[in-house]
Amino acid sequence: MKKFSSSKKIKVVISIALLGLIIGALLSFVYTFKYLSKDGGLRIEHRLRDRTTFINKELDIKNIKPWMTFNYLNVIFKLNPLYLKNALNITDFKYPNIRIDKYARKKNINPQLYVEDIKNLIINYPNTN
C-alpha cells in the first residue's frame, strides 16, 4: 500500500472541502429558488402572450426608428393593419413587411421626416377599444 505525502493529503482535503462548498451552494440556490417561486416572490414568465403589457403611446412613440417595419408598428401599437397603408397612401406590394426607411427612400422622402409623420398618425389613431 502506498502512503500519501502530507502535501497530497492537504490537496485531497482541500478538494473535498471545495466540492462540499459547491454542493452546499447549489443546494442552497435550489432551495431558495423553490421557496421564492412557491411564495410568489419569483414569477417566471415563459409565454410571451401571457404577459400583460400596457403601452403608453405617448412614451413609446419616441422609440420609433426608421429601420422598423410597418408590420412591427402595427403589432406594437395594436393598429389596424390597413391604417398606416391608407393614411400614407402606400401601394407597395411588400407592405407591411417593408422597412420605413427603405420605403421612404424609394419614394424620395426623408426617412426622419417620414417617421415623424408616422408618429403623428399613431398618436392620432382612433381608439376603438
N, C-alpha and C. Protein backbone atom coordinates (compact mmCIF):
# COMPACT_ATOMS: atom_id res chain seq x y z
N MET A 1 0.82 -1.17 0.00
CA MET A 1 0.00 0.00 0.00
C MET A 1 0.88 1.25 0.00
N LYS A 2 0.52 2.20 -0.86
CA LYS A 2 1.30 3.43 -0.95
C LYS A 2 0.86 4.42 0.10
N LYS A 3 1.80 5.16 0.58
CA LYS A 3 1.49 6.22 1.53
C LYS A 3 1.46 7.55 0.79
N PHE A 4 0.50 8.38 1.18
CA PHE A 4 0.40 9.71 0.59
C PHE A 4 1.31 10.65 1.35
N SER A 5 1.91 11.54 0.60
CA SER A 5 2.71 12.56 1.27
C SER A 5 1.75 13.57 1.89
N SER A 6 2.26 14.34 2.82
CA SER A 6 1.40 15.30 3.53
C SER A 6 0.85 16.36 2.58
N SER A 7 1.60 16.76 1.54
CA SER A 7 1.09 17.76 0.60
C SER A 7 -0.05 17.19 -0.24
N LYS A 8 0.01 15.91 -0.57
CA LYS A 8 -1.08 15.28 -1.33
C LYS A 8 -2.32 15.16 -0.46
N LYS A 9 -2.12 14.85 0.84
CA LYS A 9 -3.24 14.75 1.76
C LYS A 9 -3.95 16.10 1.88
N ILE A 10 -3.17 17.16 1.96
CA ILE A 10 -3.74 18.51 2.07
C ILE A 10 -4.54 18.85 0.81
N LYS A 11 -4.01 18.49 -0.36
CA LYS A 11 -4.72 18.77 -1.62
C LYS A 11 -6.03 18.00 -1.68
N VAL A 12 -6.03 16.76 -1.24
CA VAL A 12 -7.24 15.94 -1.25
C VAL A 12 -8.28 16.54 -0.30
N VAL A 13 -7.85 16.94 0.88
CA VAL A 13 -8.76 17.53 1.87
C VAL A 13 -9.34 18.83 1.34
N ILE A 14 -8.51 19.67 0.74
CA ILE A 14 -8.98 20.94 0.17
C ILE A 14 -9.96 20.68 -0.97
N SER A 15 -9.67 19.71 -1.82
CA SER A 15 -10.56 19.37 -2.94
C SER A 15 -11.91 18.90 -2.43
N ILE A 16 -11.90 18.06 -1.40
CA ILE A 16 -13.15 17.57 -0.83
C ILE A 16 -13.93 18.72 -0.20
N ALA A 17 -13.23 19.61 0.49
CA ALA A 17 -13.88 20.76 1.11
C ALA A 17 -14.51 21.68 0.06
N LEU A 18 -13.79 21.94 -1.02
CA LEU A 18 -14.33 22.79 -2.10
C LEU A 18 -15.53 22.14 -2.76
N LEU A 19 -15.45 20.84 -2.97
CA LEU A 19 -16.58 20.12 -3.56
C LEU A 19 -17.80 20.21 -2.64
N GLY A 20 -17.56 20.09 -1.34
CA GLY A 20 -18.65 20.22 -0.37
C GLY A 20 -19.26 21.61 -0.40
N LEU A 21 -18.43 22.64 -0.52
CA LEU A 21 -18.94 24.01 -0.60
C LEU A 21 -19.76 24.24 -1.86
N ILE A 22 -19.29 23.70 -2.96
CA ILE A 22 -20.02 23.86 -4.24
C ILE A 22 -21.37 23.16 -4.15
N ILE A 23 -21.40 21.95 -3.62
CA ILE A 23 -22.66 21.22 -3.50
C ILE A 23 -23.60 21.96 -2.54
N GLY A 24 -23.05 22.47 -1.43
CA GLY A 24 -23.86 23.23 -0.49
C GLY A 24 -24.45 24.49 -1.12
N ALA A 25 -23.65 25.20 -1.89
CA ALA A 25 -24.14 26.42 -2.56
C ALA A 25 -25.22 26.08 -3.58
N LEU A 26 -25.03 25.00 -4.31
CA LEU A 26 -26.03 24.57 -5.30
C LEU A 26 -27.34 24.20 -4.62
N LEU A 27 -27.26 23.44 -3.53
CA LEU A 27 -28.48 23.07 -2.80
C LEU A 27 -29.17 24.31 -2.22
N SER A 28 -28.40 25.24 -1.72
CA SER A 28 -28.96 26.48 -1.20
C SER A 28 -29.67 27.27 -2.30
N PHE A 29 -29.06 27.33 -3.47
CA PHE A 29 -29.66 28.03 -4.60
C PHE A 29 -30.99 27.39 -5.00
N VAL A 30 -30.99 26.05 -5.10
CA VAL A 30 -32.21 25.33 -5.50
C VAL A 30 -33.31 25.55 -4.45
N TYR A 31 -32.96 25.47 -3.17
CA TYR A 31 -33.94 25.67 -2.11
C TYR A 31 -34.52 27.09 -2.17
N THR A 32 -33.66 28.08 -2.32
CA THR A 32 -34.11 29.48 -2.39
C THR A 32 -34.99 29.70 -3.61
N PHE A 33 -34.61 29.14 -4.74
CA PHE A 33 -35.38 29.27 -5.98
C PHE A 33 -36.78 28.68 -5.79
N LYS A 34 -36.85 27.47 -5.22
CA LYS A 34 -38.15 26.83 -4.99
C LYS A 34 -39.00 27.65 -4.02
N TYR A 35 -38.38 28.14 -2.95
CA TYR A 35 -39.10 28.92 -1.95
C TYR A 35 -39.67 30.20 -2.56
N LEU A 36 -38.85 30.92 -3.33
CA LEU A 36 -39.31 32.18 -3.92
C LEU A 36 -40.39 31.95 -4.97
N SER A 37 -40.26 30.91 -5.77
CA SER A 37 -41.27 30.66 -6.80
C SER A 37 -42.58 30.18 -6.17
N LYS A 38 -42.50 29.41 -5.08
CA LYS A 38 -43.71 28.94 -4.40
C LYS A 38 -44.38 30.07 -3.63
N ASP A 39 -43.59 30.93 -3.02
CA ASP A 39 -44.09 32.03 -2.20
C ASP A 39 -44.65 33.18 -3.05
N GLY A 40 -44.29 33.22 -4.32
CA GLY A 40 -44.76 34.29 -5.19
C GLY A 40 -43.76 35.42 -5.32
N GLY A 41 -42.64 35.32 -4.65
CA GLY A 41 -41.61 36.35 -4.74
C GLY A 41 -40.85 36.29 -6.05
N LEU A 42 -40.98 35.18 -6.73
CA LEU A 42 -40.30 35.00 -8.01
C LEU A 42 -41.33 34.48 -8.99
N ARG A 43 -41.55 35.23 -10.05
CA ARG A 43 -42.53 34.82 -11.05
C ARG A 43 -41.82 34.64 -12.37
N ILE A 44 -41.95 33.46 -12.93
CA ILE A 44 -41.27 33.16 -14.18
C ILE A 44 -42.27 33.28 -15.32
N GLU A 45 -41.94 34.15 -16.28
CA GLU A 45 -42.77 34.32 -17.46
C GLU A 45 -42.21 33.44 -18.56
N HIS A 46 -42.98 32.50 -19.01
CA HIS A 46 -42.47 31.62 -20.05
C HIS A 46 -43.22 31.72 -21.36
N ARG A 47 -44.30 32.46 -21.39
CA ARG A 47 -45.03 32.62 -22.63
C ARG A 47 -45.27 34.09 -22.87
N LEU A 48 -44.89 34.54 -24.04
CA LEU A 48 -45.00 35.96 -24.36
C LEU A 48 -46.43 36.45 -24.30
N ARG A 49 -47.37 35.67 -24.80
CA ARG A 49 -48.75 36.14 -24.83
C ARG A 49 -49.41 36.19 -23.45
N ASP A 50 -48.81 35.53 -22.46
CA ASP A 50 -49.34 35.59 -21.11
C ASP A 50 -48.94 36.87 -20.40
N ARG A 51 -47.97 37.54 -20.91
CA ARG A 51 -47.50 38.77 -20.27
C ARG A 51 -48.49 39.89 -20.54
N THR A 52 -48.71 40.68 -19.55
CA THR A 52 -49.59 41.84 -19.71
C THR A 52 -48.71 43.06 -19.91
N THR A 53 -48.89 43.70 -21.04
CA THR A 53 -48.11 44.91 -21.29
C THR A 53 -49.07 46.07 -21.49
N PHE A 54 -48.74 47.14 -20.86
CA PHE A 54 -49.52 48.35 -21.02
C PHE A 54 -48.67 49.32 -21.83
N ILE A 55 -49.18 49.69 -22.97
CA ILE A 55 -48.42 50.57 -23.84
C ILE A 55 -48.94 51.99 -23.70
N ASN A 56 -48.08 52.86 -23.28
CA ASN A 56 -48.41 54.27 -23.23
C ASN A 56 -47.90 54.85 -24.54
N LYS A 57 -48.81 55.15 -25.45
CA LYS A 57 -48.41 55.56 -26.79
C LYS A 57 -47.52 56.80 -26.78
N GLU A 58 -47.81 57.75 -25.93
CA GLU A 58 -47.01 58.97 -25.90
C GLU A 58 -45.55 58.68 -25.54
N LEU A 59 -45.32 57.75 -24.65
CA LEU A 59 -43.96 57.44 -24.22
C LEU A 59 -43.24 56.55 -25.23
N ASP A 60 -43.94 55.62 -25.84
CA ASP A 60 -43.30 54.69 -26.76
C ASP A 60 -43.15 55.24 -28.17
N ILE A 61 -43.90 56.25 -28.50
CA ILE A 61 -43.81 56.84 -29.84
C ILE A 61 -42.40 57.32 -30.13
N LYS A 62 -41.73 57.86 -29.13
CA LYS A 62 -40.39 58.41 -29.34
C LYS A 62 -39.38 57.33 -29.72
N ASN A 63 -39.74 56.07 -29.49
CA ASN A 63 -38.82 54.98 -29.79
C ASN A 63 -38.94 54.45 -31.22
N ILE A 64 -39.80 55.01 -32.02
CA ILE A 64 -39.94 54.56 -33.41
C ILE A 64 -38.70 54.97 -34.18
N LYS A 65 -38.12 54.02 -34.89
CA LYS A 65 -36.90 54.24 -35.66
C LYS A 65 -37.14 53.87 -37.12
N PRO A 66 -36.39 54.48 -38.05
CA PRO A 66 -36.58 54.21 -39.47
C PRO A 66 -36.35 52.75 -39.88
N TRP A 67 -35.58 51.99 -39.13
CA TRP A 67 -35.30 50.61 -39.52
C TRP A 67 -36.46 49.66 -39.22
N MET A 68 -37.48 50.15 -38.51
CA MET A 68 -38.62 49.31 -38.15
C MET A 68 -39.53 49.10 -39.36
N THR A 69 -40.27 48.02 -39.34
CA THR A 69 -41.23 47.76 -40.42
C THR A 69 -42.60 48.27 -40.01
N PHE A 70 -43.45 48.43 -41.01
CA PHE A 70 -44.82 48.85 -40.73
C PHE A 70 -45.55 47.77 -39.93
N ASN A 71 -45.26 46.52 -40.24
CA ASN A 71 -45.88 45.41 -39.52
C ASN A 71 -45.52 45.46 -38.04
N TYR A 72 -44.28 45.77 -37.74
CA TYR A 72 -43.84 45.88 -36.35
C TYR A 72 -44.64 46.96 -35.63
N LEU A 73 -44.82 48.10 -36.26
CA LEU A 73 -45.59 49.19 -35.66
C LEU A 73 -47.05 48.78 -35.46
N ASN A 74 -47.61 48.08 -36.45
CA ASN A 74 -49.00 47.63 -36.33
C ASN A 74 -49.18 46.72 -35.12
N VAL A 75 -48.22 45.85 -34.90
CA VAL A 75 -48.32 44.91 -33.78
C VAL A 75 -48.09 45.61 -32.45
N ILE A 76 -47.02 46.39 -32.36
CA ILE A 76 -46.66 47.05 -31.11
C ILE A 76 -47.74 48.03 -30.65
N PHE A 77 -48.27 48.80 -31.57
CA PHE A 77 -49.25 49.82 -31.20
C PHE A 77 -50.69 49.37 -31.44
N LYS A 78 -50.86 48.09 -31.75
CA LYS A 78 -52.18 47.49 -31.96
C LYS A 78 -53.02 48.29 -32.95
N LEU A 79 -52.42 48.54 -34.10
CA LEU A 79 -53.09 49.30 -35.15
C LEU A 79 -53.79 48.35 -36.11
N ASN A 80 -54.84 48.85 -36.72
CA ASN A 80 -55.45 48.12 -37.83
C ASN A 80 -54.40 48.04 -38.93
N PRO A 81 -54.13 46.85 -39.49
CA PRO A 81 -53.07 46.71 -40.49
C PRO A 81 -53.22 47.64 -41.70
N LEU A 82 -54.42 48.09 -41.98
CA LEU A 82 -54.62 48.97 -43.13
C LEU A 82 -54.55 50.46 -42.77
N TYR A 83 -54.47 50.76 -41.47
CA TYR A 83 -54.49 52.16 -41.05
C TYR A 83 -53.33 52.97 -41.66
N LEU A 84 -52.10 52.53 -41.43
CA LEU A 84 -50.96 53.27 -41.97
C LEU A 84 -50.92 53.20 -43.49
N LYS A 85 -51.30 52.06 -44.04
CA LYS A 85 -51.30 51.91 -45.50
C LYS A 85 -52.23 52.94 -46.14
N ASN A 86 -53.41 53.07 -45.61
CA ASN A 86 -54.37 54.02 -46.17
C ASN A 86 -54.00 55.46 -45.85
N ALA A 87 -53.57 55.71 -44.64
CA ALA A 87 -53.24 57.09 -44.23
C ALA A 87 -52.04 57.63 -44.98
N LEU A 88 -51.09 56.76 -45.33
CA LEU A 88 -49.87 57.20 -46.03
C LEU A 88 -49.91 56.89 -47.53
N ASN A 89 -51.03 56.39 -48.01
CA ASN A 89 -51.20 56.02 -49.43
C ASN A 89 -50.09 55.10 -49.92
N ILE A 90 -49.84 54.06 -49.17
CA ILE A 90 -48.78 53.10 -49.53
C ILE A 90 -49.36 52.08 -50.50
N THR A 91 -48.68 51.94 -51.64
CA THR A 91 -49.13 50.99 -52.66
C THR A 91 -48.13 49.86 -52.89
N ASP A 92 -47.05 49.87 -52.17
CA ASP A 92 -46.01 48.86 -52.33
C ASP A 92 -46.55 47.48 -51.94
N PHE A 93 -46.31 46.48 -52.78
CA PHE A 93 -46.82 45.13 -52.52
C PHE A 93 -46.14 44.47 -51.31
N LYS A 94 -45.00 45.01 -50.89
CA LYS A 94 -44.30 44.44 -49.74
C LYS A 94 -44.90 44.90 -48.40
N TYR A 95 -45.79 45.89 -48.45
CA TYR A 95 -46.41 46.36 -47.21
C TYR A 95 -47.16 45.20 -46.56
N PRO A 96 -47.07 44.99 -45.27
CA PRO A 96 -46.45 45.77 -44.22
C PRO A 96 -45.03 45.34 -43.87
N ASN A 97 -44.48 44.41 -44.63
CA ASN A 97 -43.15 43.87 -44.30
C ASN A 97 -42.02 44.62 -45.00
N ILE A 98 -42.13 45.93 -45.02
CA ILE A 98 -41.08 46.76 -45.60
C ILE A 98 -40.62 47.75 -44.54
N ARG A 99 -39.32 47.98 -44.52
CA ARG A 99 -38.78 48.94 -43.55
C ARG A 99 -39.21 50.35 -43.92
N ILE A 100 -39.42 51.15 -42.90
CA ILE A 100 -39.86 52.53 -43.10
C ILE A 100 -38.83 53.31 -43.91
N ASP A 101 -37.55 53.18 -43.57
CA ASP A 101 -36.52 53.94 -44.28
C ASP A 101 -36.40 53.52 -45.74
N LYS A 102 -36.54 52.23 -46.02
CA LYS A 102 -36.44 51.78 -47.42
C LYS A 102 -37.61 52.29 -48.25
N TYR A 103 -38.80 52.28 -47.66
CA TYR A 103 -39.95 52.78 -48.39
C TYR A 103 -39.82 54.29 -48.62
N ALA A 104 -39.36 55.01 -47.61
CA ALA A 104 -39.22 56.46 -47.73
C ALA A 104 -38.20 56.81 -48.81
N ARG A 105 -37.07 56.12 -48.83
CA ARG A 105 -36.06 56.39 -49.88
C ARG A 105 -36.59 56.05 -51.26
N LYS A 106 -37.36 54.99 -51.35
CA LYS A 106 -37.96 54.59 -52.64
C LYS A 106 -38.88 55.70 -53.17
N LYS A 107 -39.53 56.40 -52.25
CA LYS A 107 -40.44 57.49 -52.63
C LYS A 107 -39.77 58.86 -52.55
N ASN A 108 -38.44 58.89 -52.38
CA ASN A 108 -37.67 60.12 -52.29
C ASN A 108 -38.16 61.04 -51.17
N ILE A 109 -38.38 60.43 -50.02
CA ILE A 109 -38.81 61.17 -48.83
C ILE A 109 -37.72 61.00 -47.78
N ASN A 110 -37.48 62.06 -47.01
CA ASN A 110 -36.51 61.98 -45.92
C ASN A 110 -37.05 61.00 -44.87
N PRO A 111 -36.31 59.92 -44.56
CA PRO A 111 -36.80 58.92 -43.61
C PRO A 111 -37.14 59.49 -42.23
N GLN A 112 -36.36 60.45 -41.74
CA GLN A 112 -36.65 61.03 -40.42
C GLN A 112 -37.96 61.80 -40.43
N LEU A 113 -38.20 62.54 -41.51
CA LEU A 113 -39.46 63.28 -41.61
C LEU A 113 -40.65 62.31 -41.75
N TYR A 114 -40.41 61.22 -42.48
CA TYR A 114 -41.45 60.22 -42.66
C TYR A 114 -41.80 59.56 -41.32
N VAL A 115 -40.78 59.31 -40.51
CA VAL A 115 -41.01 58.74 -39.18
C VAL A 115 -41.83 59.69 -38.33
N GLU A 116 -41.56 60.98 -38.44
CA GLU A 116 -42.34 61.97 -37.69
C GLU A 116 -43.81 61.94 -38.12
N ASP A 117 -44.05 61.81 -39.43
CA ASP A 117 -45.43 61.70 -39.92
C ASP A 117 -46.11 60.46 -39.33
N ILE A 118 -45.38 59.35 -39.29
CA ILE A 118 -45.92 58.10 -38.75
C ILE A 118 -46.21 58.25 -37.26
N LYS A 119 -45.32 58.91 -36.54
CA LYS A 119 -45.55 59.13 -35.11
C LYS A 119 -46.84 59.91 -34.88
N ASN A 120 -47.05 60.95 -35.67
CA ASN A 120 -48.26 61.75 -35.54
C ASN A 120 -49.51 60.93 -35.85
N LEU A 121 -49.42 60.09 -36.86
CA LEU A 121 -50.57 59.23 -37.20
C LEU A 121 -50.88 58.27 -36.07
N ILE A 122 -49.86 57.72 -35.45
CA ILE A 122 -50.09 56.76 -34.35
C ILE A 122 -50.67 57.48 -33.13
N ILE A 123 -50.17 58.66 -32.84
CA ILE A 123 -50.71 59.43 -31.71
C ILE A 123 -52.19 59.73 -31.94
N ASN A 124 -52.55 60.03 -33.19
CA ASN A 124 -53.94 60.37 -33.51
C ASN A 124 -54.78 59.18 -33.92
N TYR A 125 -54.26 57.97 -33.74
CA TYR A 125 -55.02 56.77 -34.11
C TYR A 125 -56.29 56.70 -33.29
N PRO A 126 -57.42 56.51 -33.97
CA PRO A 126 -58.68 56.46 -33.23
C PRO A 126 -58.73 55.22 -32.34
N ASN A 127 -58.99 55.42 -31.08
CA ASN A 127 -59.07 54.32 -30.13
C ASN A 127 -60.42 53.64 -30.25
N THR A 128 -60.40 52.39 -30.68
CA THR A 128 -61.65 51.64 -30.87
C THR A 128 -61.85 50.61 -29.77
N ASN A 129 -61.06 50.69 -28.70
CA ASN A 129 -61.17 49.69 -27.62
C ASN A 129 -62.35 49.99 -26.74
